[in-house]
C-alpha atoms as a PDB file:
ATOM      1  CA  MET A   1     -16.990  48.750 -23.109  1.00  0.00           C
ATOM      2  CA  SER A   2     -18.538  50.964 -19.710  1.00  0.00           C
ATOM      3  CA  GLU A   3     -19.335  48.260 -16.969  1.00  0.00           C
ATOM      4  CA  LYS A   4     -23.157  47.847 -16.274  1.00  0.00           C
ATOM      5  CA  GLN A   5     -23.951  49.353 -12.874  1.00  0.00           C
ATOM      6  CA  VAL A   6     -26.512  46.772 -11.297  1.00  0.00           C
ATOM      7  CA  GLU A   7     -28.636  48.446  -8.589  1.00  0.00           C
ATOM      8  CA  LEU A   8     -28.608  46.634  -5.383  1.00  0.00           C
ATOM      9  CA  PRO A   9     -31.793  46.857  -2.685  1.00  0.00           C
ATOM     10  CA  GLU A  10     -31.865  49.465  -0.185  1.00  0.00           C
ATOM     11  CA  LEU A  11     -31.315  47.354   3.027  1.00  0.00           C
ATOM     12  CA  ASP A  12     -33.830  47.758   5.698  1.00  0.00           C
ATOM     13  CA  SER A  13     -30.998  47.060   9.071  1.00  0.00           C
ATOM     14  CA  ASP A  14     -34.277  47.142  11.544  1.00  0.00           C
ATOM     15  CA  LYS A  15     -36.131  43.628   9.551  1.00  0.00           C
ATOM     16  CA  ILE A  16     -32.652  41.796   8.841  1.00  0.00           C
ATOM     17  CA  ILE A  17     -32.145  42.261  12.632  1.00  0.00           C
ATOM     18  CA  LEU A  18     -35.969  41.197  13.338  1.00  0.00           C
ATOM     19  CA  LYS A  19     -36.080  37.945  11.010  1.00  0.00           C
ATOM     20  CA  ALA A  20     -32.029  37.587  12.993  1.00  0.00           C
ATOM     21  CA  ARG A  21     -34.224  37.488  16.147  1.00  0.00           C
ATOM     22  CA  SER A  22     -37.318  35.553  14.897  1.00  0.00           C
ATOM     23  CA  PHE A  23     -34.786  32.723  13.256  1.00  0.00           C
ATOM     24  CA  PHE A  24     -32.654  32.157  16.439  1.00  0.00           C
ATOM     25  CA  GLN A  25     -35.973  32.305  18.743  1.00  0.00           C
ATOM     26  CA  SER A  26     -37.260  29.525  16.587  1.00  0.00           C
ATOM     27  CA  PHE A  27     -33.736  27.498  16.181  1.00  0.00           C
ATOM     28  CA  GLY A  28     -31.681  29.117  18.810  1.00  0.00           C
ATOM     29  CA  ARG A  29     -31.424  25.482  20.576  1.00  0.00           C
ATOM     30  CA  GLN A  30     -31.218  23.818  17.273  1.00  0.00           C
ATOM     31  CA  ILE A  31     -28.223  25.620  16.974  1.00  0.00           C
ATOM     32  CA  ILE A  32     -26.611  25.861  20.207  1.00  0.00           C
ATOM     33  CA  VAL A  33     -26.575  22.026  20.597  1.00  0.00           C
ATOM     34  CA  GLY A  34     -25.203  21.698  16.657  1.00  0.00           C
ATOM     35  CA  ALA A  35     -21.558  24.488  18.032  1.00  0.00           C
ATOM     36  CA  THR A  36     -22.074  22.546  21.667  1.00  0.00           C
ATOM     37  CA  SER A  37     -21.662  18.649  19.204  1.00  0.00           C
ATOM     38  CA  VAL A  38     -18.823  20.169  17.230  1.00  0.00           C
ATOM     39  CA  VAL A  39     -17.366  20.971  20.487  1.00  0.00           C
ATOM     40  CA  VAL A  40     -17.695  18.785  21.642  1.00  0.00           C
ATOM     41  CA  VAL A  41     -16.341  16.316  18.357  1.00  0.00           C
ATOM     42  CA  VAL A  42     -13.301  17.727  17.422  1.00  0.00           C
ATOM     43  CA  GLY A  43     -11.915  18.257  20.942  1.00  0.00           C
ATOM     44  CA  GLY A  44     -12.646  14.620  21.370  1.00  0.00           C
ATOM     45  CA  PHE A  45     -10.726  13.756  18.489  1.00  0.00           C
ATOM     46  CA  TYR A  46      -8.270  15.834  20.109  1.00  0.00           C
ATOM     47  CA  ALA A  47      -7.661  14.504  23.030  1.00  0.00           C
ATOM     48  CA  PHE A  48      -8.594  10.742  21.304  1.00  0.00           C
ATOM     49  CA  LYS A  49      -5.079  11.604  19.364  1.00  0.00           C
ATOM     50  CA  GLU A  50      -2.990  12.864  21.700  1.00  0.00           C
ATOM     51  CA  PHE A  51      -3.508  10.419  24.856  1.00  0.00           C
ATOM     52  CA  VAL A  52      -4.039   7.642  22.938  1.00  0.00           C
ATOM     53  CA  THR A  53      -3.463   7.659  19.337  1.00  0.00           C
ATOM     54  CA  LYS A  54       0.378   9.095  19.770  1.00  0.00           C
ATOM     55  CA  PRO A  55       1.674   6.773  22.720  1.00  0.00           C
ATOM     56  CA  LYS A  56       0.133   4.368  20.791  1.00  0.00           C
ATOM     57  CA  GLU A  57       1.535   5.064  18.191  1.00  0.00           C
ATOM     58  CA  GLN A  58       4.992   5.593  19.993  1.00  0.00           C
ATOM     59  CA  LYS A  59       4.139   1.561  22.107  1.00  0.00           C
ATOM     60  CA  ALA A  60       3.896   0.378  18.955  1.00  0.00           C
ATOM     61  CA  SER A  61       7.218   1.863  17.760  1.00  0.00           C
ATOM     62  CA  ASP A  62       9.451   0.835  20.311  1.00  0.00           C
ATOM     63  CA  LEU A  63       7.855  -2.699  20.476  1.00  0.00           C
ATOM     64  CA  ILE A  64       8.619  -2.894  16.307  1.00  0.00           C
ATOM     65  CA  TYR A  65      12.327  -2.141  17.117  1.00  0.00           C
ATOM     66  CA  LYS A  66      14.161  -4.937  17.909  1.00  0.00           C
ATOM     67  CA  ALA A  67      11.836  -7.486  15.195  1.00  0.00           C
ATOM     68  CA  GLN A  68      12.961  -4.653  12.653  1.00  0.00           C
ATOM     69  CA  GLY A  69      17.066  -5.679  13.557  1.00  0.00           C
ATOM     70  CA  TYR A  70      16.508  -9.630  13.510  1.00  0.00           C
ATOM     71  CA  PHE A  71      14.682  -8.694  10.553  1.00  0.00           C
ATOM     72  CA  SER A  72      17.280  -7.296   8.847  1.00  0.00           C
ATOM     73  CA  LYS A  73      18.873 -10.858  10.390  1.00  0.00           C
ATOM     74  CA  ASP A  74      17.118 -12.636   8.023  1.00  0.00           C
ATOM     75  CA  SER A  75      16.155 -13.781  11.794  1.00  0.00           C
ATOM     76  CA  SER A  76      12.457 -14.792  10.843  1.00  0.00           C
ATOM     77  CA  ASN A  77      11.649 -16.780  14.010  1.00  0.00           C
ATOM     78  CA  LEU A  78      12.801 -14.483  15.725  1.00  0.00           C
ATOM     79  CA  VAL A  79      11.248 -11.188  13.623  1.00  0.00           C
ATOM     80  CA  LEU A  80       7.162 -13.174  14.633  1.00  0.00           C
ATOM     81  CA  ASN A  81       7.453 -14.828  17.627  1.00  0.00           C
ATOM     82  CA  GLY A  82      10.133 -11.901  19.566  1.00  0.00           C
ATOM     83  CA  ASP A  83      12.639 -13.701  21.867  1.00  0.00           C
ATOM     84  CA  GLY A  84      11.618 -14.092  25.346  1.00  0.00           C
ATOM     85  CA  ILE A  85      12.212 -10.133  26.186  1.00  0.00           C
ATOM     86  CA  SER A  86      11.131  -8.254  22.986  1.00  0.00           C
ATOM     87  CA  LYS A  87       7.928  -8.839  21.586  1.00  0.00           C
ATOM     88  CA  GLY A  88       7.577 -10.038  17.684  1.00  0.00           C
ATOM     89  CA  VAL A  89       5.416  -8.136  15.120  1.00  0.00           C
ATOM     90  CA  LEU A  90       2.225 -10.654  15.080  1.00  0.00           C
ATOM     91  CA  TYR A  91       2.372  -9.154  19.178  1.00  0.00           C
ATOM     92  CA  VAL A  92       2.511  -5.876  17.549  1.00  0.00           C
ATOM     93  CA  ILE A  93      -0.486  -6.826  14.735  1.00  0.00           C
ATOM     94  CA  SER A  94      -2.369  -8.075  17.553  1.00  0.00           C
ATOM     95  CA  ASN A  95      -2.511  -5.623  20.181  1.00  0.00           C
ATOM     96  CA  TYR A  96      -1.593  -2.370  17.549  1.00  0.00           C
ATOM     97  CA  GLU A  97      -3.848  -2.792  15.170  1.00  0.00           C
ATOM     98  CA  GLY A  98      -3.980   0.645  13.217  1.00  0.00           C
ATOM     99  CA  THR A  99      -1.164   2.114  13.979  1.00  0.00           C
ATOM    100  CA  LYS A 100       1.670   3.150  11.522  1.00  0.00           C
ATOM    101  CA  SER A 101       4.295  -0.069  13.046  1.00  0.00           C
ATOM    102  CA  ALA A 102       1.735  -2.634  12.822  1.00  0.00           C
ATOM    103  CA  ASN A 103       1.015  -1.686   9.286  1.00  0.00           C
ATOM    104  CA  LEU A 104       4.415  -2.573   8.663  1.00  0.00           C
ATOM    105  CA  ALA A 105       4.530  -5.470  10.656  1.00  0.00           C
ATOM    106  CA  LYS A 106       2.259  -6.785   8.071  1.00  0.00           C
ATOM    107  CA  TYR A 107       5.811  -6.562   5.873  1.00  0.00           C
ATOM    108  CA  TYR A 108       7.732  -8.170   8.543  1.00  0.00           C
ATOM    109  CA  ALA A 109       5.322 -10.741   8.585  1.00  0.00           C
ATOM    110  CA  GLY A 110       4.966 -11.680   5.910  1.00  0.00           C
ATOM    111  CA  VAL A 111       8.425 -11.502   4.219  1.00  0.00           C
ATOM    112  CA  SER A 112       9.269 -13.544   7.194  1.00  0.00           C
ATOM    113  CA  TYR A 113       6.421 -16.653   6.271  1.00  0.00           C
ATOM    114  CA  LEU A 114       7.496 -16.467   2.936  1.00  0.00           C
ATOM    115  CA  LYS A 115      11.153 -17.324   3.999  1.00  0.00           C
ATOM    116  CA  LEU A 116      10.198 -19.966   6.174  1.00  0.00           C
ATOM    117  CA  GLY A 117       7.902 -21.175   3.569  1.00  0.00           C
ATOM    118  CA  GLN A 118       4.870 -20.769   4.978  1.00  0.00           C
ATOM    119  CA  PHE A 119       3.051 -19.560   2.169  1.00  0.00           C
ATOM    120  CA  ASP A 120      -0.336 -19.544   2.439  1.00  0.00           C
ATOM    121  CA  LYS A 121       0.604 -17.416   6.056  1.00  0.00           C
ATOM    122  CA  ALA A 122       3.002 -14.496   3.700  1.00  0.00           C
ATOM    123  CA  ILE A 123      -0.294 -13.496   1.244  1.00  0.00           C
ATOM    124  CA  GLU A 124      -2.521 -12.943   4.327  1.00  0.00           C
ATOM    125  CA  TYR A 125       0.324 -11.107   5.842  1.00  0.00           C
ATOM    126  CA  LEU A 126       1.209  -9.567   2.628  1.00  0.00           C
ATOM    127  CA  LYS A 127      -1.818  -8.930   0.703  1.00  0.00           C
ATOM    128  CA  ASP A 128      -3.907  -6.591   4.486  1.00  0.00           C
ATOM    129  CA  PHE A 129       0.108  -3.886   3.639  1.00  0.00           C
ATOM    130  CA  SER A 130      -0.424  -1.360   2.060  1.00  0.00           C
ATOM    131  CA  THR A 131       2.456   1.661   1.760  1.00  0.00           C
ATOM    132  CA  ASP A 132       2.833   5.265   0.055  1.00  0.00           C
ATOM    133  CA  ALA A 133       5.948   4.286   0.069  1.00  0.00           C
ATOM    134  CA  LYS A 134       6.292   2.543  -3.261  1.00  0.00           C
ATOM    135  CA  GLN A 135       9.821   1.167  -3.667  1.00  0.00           C
ATOM    136  CA  VAL A 136       8.686  -0.995  -0.136  1.00  0.00           C
ATOM    137  CA  GLN A 137       5.034  -2.013  -2.412  1.00  0.00           C
ATOM    138  CA  MET A 138       7.064  -3.403  -5.037  1.00  0.00           C
ATOM    139  CA  VAL A 139       8.599  -5.428  -3.087  1.00  0.00           C
ATOM    140  CA  ALA A 140       5.785  -6.718  -1.233  1.00  0.00           C
ATOM    141  CA  TYR A 141       3.818  -7.505  -4.667  1.00  0.00           C
ATOM    142  CA  GLY A 142       6.912  -8.892  -5.514  1.00  0.00           C
ATOM    143  CA  CYS A 143       7.147 -10.943  -2.158  1.00  0.00           C
ATOM    144  CA  LEU A 144       2.931 -11.197  -2.979  1.00  0.00           C
ATOM    145  CA  GLY A 145       4.505 -13.104  -6.548  1.00  0.00           C
ATOM    146  CA  ASP A 146       6.276 -15.383  -5.217  1.00  0.00           C
ATOM    147  CA  ALA A 147       3.896 -16.708  -2.359  1.00  0.00           C
ATOM    148  CA  TYR A 148       1.333 -17.408  -4.777  1.00  0.00           C
ATOM    149  CA  ALA A 149       4.101 -18.982  -7.116  1.00  0.00           C
ATOM    150  CA  GLU A 150       4.820 -21.500  -4.338  1.00  0.00           C
ATOM    151  CA  SER A 151       1.928 -21.974  -3.927  1.00  0.00           C
ATOM    152  CA  GLY A 152       0.794 -23.154  -6.857  1.00  0.00           C
ATOM    153  CA  LYS A 153      -1.727 -20.163  -8.022  1.00  0.00           C
ATOM    154  CA  LYS A 154       0.363 -19.106 -11.028  1.00  0.00           C
ATOM    155  CA  ASP A 155      -2.047 -16.419 -12.532  1.00  0.00           C
ATOM    156  CA  ASP A 156      -1.844 -14.589  -9.342  1.00  0.00           C
ATOM    157  CA  ALA A 157       1.320 -15.146  -9.181  1.00  0.00           C
ATOM    158  CA  LEU A 158       1.721 -13.253 -12.711  1.00  0.00           C
ATOM    159  CA  ASP A 159      -0.632 -10.191 -11.554  1.00  0.00           C
ATOM    160  CA  TYR A 160       1.290  -9.335  -9.078  1.00  0.00           C
ATOM    161  CA  TYR A 161       4.946  -9.712 -10.535  1.00  0.00           C
ATOM    162  CA  GLN A 162       3.458  -7.261 -12.797  1.00  0.00           C
ATOM    163  CA  LYS A 163       2.225  -5.314 -10.737  1.00  0.00           C
ATOM    164  CA  ALA A 164       5.476  -5.212  -8.461  1.00  0.00           C
ATOM    165  CA  GLY A 165       7.041  -4.468 -12.252  1.00  0.00           C
ATOM    166  CA  LYS A 166       4.806  -1.435 -12.908  1.00  0.00           C
ATOM    167  CA  THR A 167       4.833  -0.084  -9.425  1.00  0.00           C
ATOM    168  CA  PHE A 168       8.547   1.635  -8.851  1.00  0.00           C
ATOM    169  CA  GLU A 169       9.859   1.865 -12.226  1.00  0.00           C
ATOM    170  CA  LYS A 170      12.566   3.550 -11.253  1.00  0.00           C
ATOM    171  CA  ASP A 171      14.525   1.001  -9.530  1.00  0.00           C
ATOM    172  CA  GLU A 172      14.707  -0.184 -12.849  1.00  0.00           C
ATOM    173  CA  ASN A 173      16.722  -3.247 -11.518  1.00  0.00           C
ATOM    174  CA  ALA A 174      14.386  -4.415  -9.191  1.00  0.00           C
ATOM    175  CA  SER A 175      11.532  -3.356 -11.998  1.00  0.00           C
ATOM    176  CA  ALA A 176      13.182  -5.411 -15.175  1.00  0.00           C
ATOM    177  CA  GLU A 177      13.639  -8.534 -12.697  1.00  0.00           C
ATOM    178  CA  TYR A 178       9.694  -8.597 -11.791  1.00  0.00           C
ATOM    179  CA  LEU A 179       8.400  -8.650 -15.418  1.00  0.00           C
ATOM    180  CA  PHE A 180      11.653 -10.762 -16.207  1.00  0.00           C
ATOM    181  CA  ARG A 181       9.602 -13.110 -13.828  1.00  0.00           C
ATOM    182  CA  ALA A 182       6.089 -12.400 -15.074  1.00  0.00           C
ATOM    183  CA  ALA A 183       7.232 -13.629 -18.181  1.00  0.00           C
ATOM    184  CA  LEU A 184       9.549 -17.068 -17.306  1.00  0.00           C
ATOM    185  CA  LEU A 185       5.764 -17.449 -15.880  1.00  0.00           C
ATOM    186  CA  SER A 186       3.534 -16.489 -18.300  1.00  0.00           C
ATOM    187  CA  GLU A 187       5.181 -19.991 -21.342  1.00  0.00           C
ATOM    188  CA  THR A 188       5.999 -22.102 -18.255  1.00  0.00           C
ATOM    189  CA  ILE A 189       1.268 -21.580 -18.099  1.00  0.00           C
ATOM    190  CA  GLY A 190       1.304 -21.472 -22.090  1.00  0.00           C
ATOM    191  CA  LYS A 191       0.719 -17.852 -22.382  1.00  0.00           C
ATOM    192  CA  GLU A 192       3.208 -17.171 -24.828  1.00  0.00           C
ATOM    193  CA  ASP A 193       2.647 -14.193 -26.352  1.00  0.00           C
ATOM    194  CA  LYS A 194       2.279 -12.580 -22.813  1.00  0.00           C
ATOM    195  CA  ALA A 195       6.422 -13.713 -21.945  1.00  0.00           C
ATOM    196  CA  LEU A 196       6.796 -11.969 -25.463  1.00  0.00           C
ATOM    197  CA  GLU A 197       4.800  -8.444 -24.948  1.00  0.00           C
ATOM    198  CA  LEU A 198       6.919  -8.732 -21.158  1.00  0.00           C
ATOM    199  CA  TYR A 199      10.376  -9.575 -22.619  1.00  0.00           C
ATOM    200  CA  LYS A 200       9.903  -6.296 -25.100  1.00  0.00           C
ATOM    201  CA  ASP A 201       8.827  -4.584 -22.437  1.00  0.00           C
ATOM    202  CA  ILE A 202      11.670  -5.154 -20.600  1.00  0.00           C
ATOM    203  CA  LYS A 203      14.154  -4.357 -23.488  1.00  0.00           C
ATOM    204  CA  GLU A 204      12.204  -1.187 -23.925  1.00  0.00           C
ATOM    205  CA  LYS A 205      11.917   0.254 -20.598  1.00  0.00           C
ATOM    206  CA  PHE A 206      15.246  -0.940 -19.296  1.00  0.00           C
ATOM    207  CA  PRO A 207      17.599  -1.875 -21.525  1.00  0.00           C
ATOM    208  CA  LYS A 208      20.731  -0.901 -19.483  1.00  0.00           C
ATOM    209  CA  THR A 209      20.103  -3.953 -16.338  1.00  0.00           C
ATOM    210  CA  GLU A 210      21.514  -7.093 -16.459  1.00  0.00           C
ATOM    211  CA  LYS A 211      17.982  -8.219 -17.010  1.00  0.00           C
ATOM    212  CA  GLY A 212      17.358  -6.290 -20.215  1.00  0.00           C
ATOM    213  CA  THR A 213      21.002  -7.278 -22.409  1.00  0.00           C
ATOM    214  CA  GLN A 214      19.831 -10.810 -21.694  1.00  0.00           C
ATOM    215  CA  VAL A 215      15.875 -10.969 -23.279  1.00  0.00           C
ATOM    216  CA  ASP A 216      17.227  -9.958 -27.019  1.00  0.00           C
ATOM    217  CA  LYS A 217      17.126 -14.333 -26.734  1.00  0.00           C
ATOM    218  CA  TYR A 218      13.979 -14.928 -25.713  1.00  0.00           C
ATOM    219  CA  ILE A 219      12.058 -12.542 -27.848  1.00  0.00           C
ATOM    220  CA  ASN A 220      14.043 -14.138 -30.744  1.00  0.00           C
ATOM    221  CA  ARG A 221      12.951 -17.382 -29.915  1.00  0.00           C
ATOM    222  CA  LEU A 222       9.174 -16.731 -29.033  1.00  0.00           C
ATOM    223  CA  SER A 223       8.768 -14.864 -32.119  1.00  0.00           C
ATOM    224  CA  VAL A 224      10.286 -17.656 -33.886  1.00  0.00           C
ATOM    225  CA  GLU A 225       7.796 -18.454 -36.094  1.00  0.00           C
ATOM    226  CA  LYS A 226       6.527 -22.925 -35.659  1.00  0.00           C
ATOM    227  CA  PRO A 227       7.062 -24.027 -38.411  1.00  0.00           C
ATOM    228  CA  GLU A 228       3.342 -25.685 -40.468  1.00  0.00           C
ATOM    229  CA  LEU A 229       1.932 -29.214 -39.950  1.00  0.00           C
END
């Protein structure tokens, strides 16, 4: 099948130039102002990034370094408030908002408050934390589940335990653990059908984990038909 030839109209270069000149004469100032604005915005963004954002990120990173050491040693008060020489994560959050380190500091703060039994503060900071690192986000959700459970907010705790169990399933042991907590909690609040569903989910997805080898007895118990009255 031959290609259909499409005839293009002849273009008068003089007319195009005249039209271009006329357009520029009418709107030239706006074009120049607009182009200049783009340059200023792009240049301003680059300058802000180079001379404000990067130094701020570096300073926040330097400040949080000592707190990370205390976090690994379970020294929660030192994590939060510092040691009198080094600043704690609360200082980083207050003074370096918007940086990656301040975001991470919220995670450290939330977990530290959870360990100290200050559950409302733990919830406040952990809910304000987010990361693309799924394994860390999983733990954050799990800690939120613990904090809500300790605060008596069982439905919220159930939601976050389930989120934790589904966020990073490559970590089978942790995922099974959080789903198991969700299942046990479901039983305590009278949601036995939900609990049975979660136990079965553990057995199906994570059969080789510690919790996966234990769930049969929970499944059998909940699966037994109740005698008719």
